[in-house]
Amino acid sequence: MKLQRFALWLFVVIATGWLMIVGRNLILPIVLAIVFWYLINTLAVTLGKISWGGWHLPRSVALPIAILAIGGLFWLLGSMISSNIAQVIKAAPAYQARLEAIIIDVSLKLGFENAPNLSELFRSFDLGRTLQELGGAAASVAGSIGIVIIYTLFLLAEQATFSAKIEAVFHDKPREAQARRLLDHIAEDIQIYIRIKTLLALITAAIGYAIMASVGVDFAGFWAVLIFFFYYIPTIGSLLAIVSPTLLTLVQFDSIQPFIIVAVCMGVVQISMANFIEPMIMGRSLNVSPFIIILSLMVFGTMWGVVGMFLCVPIMVIAMIVLANFPQTRPLAAIISADGKLLLPEHREAKRKA
C-alpha cells in the first residue's frame, strides 16, 4: 500500500509539472491575477489599519484606493521601463565597444596573446540585438496584461461571496471552521511577506538610485526599477542587482573609481538587506528552507521563466502552510521548512489567546 501511495503521489507530481509547462500560457495569467489580487487586498488591509483618532478607513473606500494605487504604480513602472529600454538599446553599441576595449586591454596586460580572439567572440554577441529580444519578451508579457486585469477584476468582484461559498461547500461546522482558519493563515502569511518584501524593495531601489545618480550612472531610474524587481528573486536577484549597474558603470566611465564606488556601495546595500535587515524584520514567520527556495527558484524559473522566479517563494510558503494544516502531510511541510518547526493551527490559536 505504501508503494502504491508513493507511486500515486509521484504520478501526481509529474503530471502537475507537465501541465504547468504545457499549460503555461493558460496558467500564468491566472497566477498573476491572484498575485495582483493579493497585492490589492494587502494594501487595502494596510490602509484599513491606519487610524486617525480612533477612526479607520472603511473597506469600501480602502479597496478602490488600493486598486487605483496598484494600477497606477504598475502603469508608471511600465511606462518608465518602455521609455528607457529604447534609450538603452540605442546606447548599447557604444557600451559594447567600450566593453570589448576593456577586455582587450586587460587581456594584453595579463599577457594573453590571443586578445583578438576575445574581440571576435564579443563581435558574435550583439548587445543591441539581445536587448531588443528582451524588449520583445517584455512586450509579449505586457500583451497578456489585459487578460490578467480581467481575471483580477472578476476575483475582486467575487471575493464578497467567498464566505458564502465556503459555507455552502462544507456542511458541518468543524470542517468549515478548519477551512476558514487555513485560508486566514495563508492570507496572513502572504500579506506579511508582500508587505515586508515590497517595503524593503522600495528602500533598496531608492538607495541604489541615490548611489547611481550621485556617481552619474546613465539610466539610474531604469536600473532602480530593475533593482526593485530583482529584490523579489531570492539569491540570484541580489547578484543581478549588484552586477548589472556595476558593469554599466565599468563600460561608461574611463576611470575605475566610479566602478569601485558603485560596486562596493551596491554590494553593501544588497548584502545588508538580504542577510541582516530582512531576516531581522521578517523573523521566522515564513521559515522556508534556503535549499528549497533555491530548488524552487530553478524549477519554477525553468517552467515559467522570470515570472516563476518571482513566484517561487510565495508558492513554497503557501504549500508549507497548507501541508502543515493536515496531519497526513505535515512531514512534507517539515521538509520544506527551515528548521522542522511548524506553526500548527493549535499553536496559532494558543498564541493569539495569550
Foldseek 3Di string as FASTA:
>chain_A
DVVVVVVVVVVVVVVVLVCCQVVVVPVVLLVLLVVLLLQLVLQLVVQQPDDDVNDGDDSVVSNVVSVVVVVVVVVVLVVLQVVVLVVCLVCQVLLLVLVLVVQLVVCVVVPHPVSVVVVVVSVVPRPSVVSVVVVVVVVVVVVCVVVSVVSNVVCVVCVVCPLVVLCVVDVDDVVSVLVVLLVVLLSVLVSLVVVLLQVLLLVLLVQQLVLCVVLVQPPSVNLSSLLSLLSLQPPVSLVCNQPVSLSSVSSPDPDCVSSVSSNVVSNVSSCCVRPPVSCVVSPCSQQFAPVQLVVQLVSLCVRNNPVSSNCSSSVLSSVLSVQLADPVRLVVSLVGGHHSDDCYPVNVVVVVVD
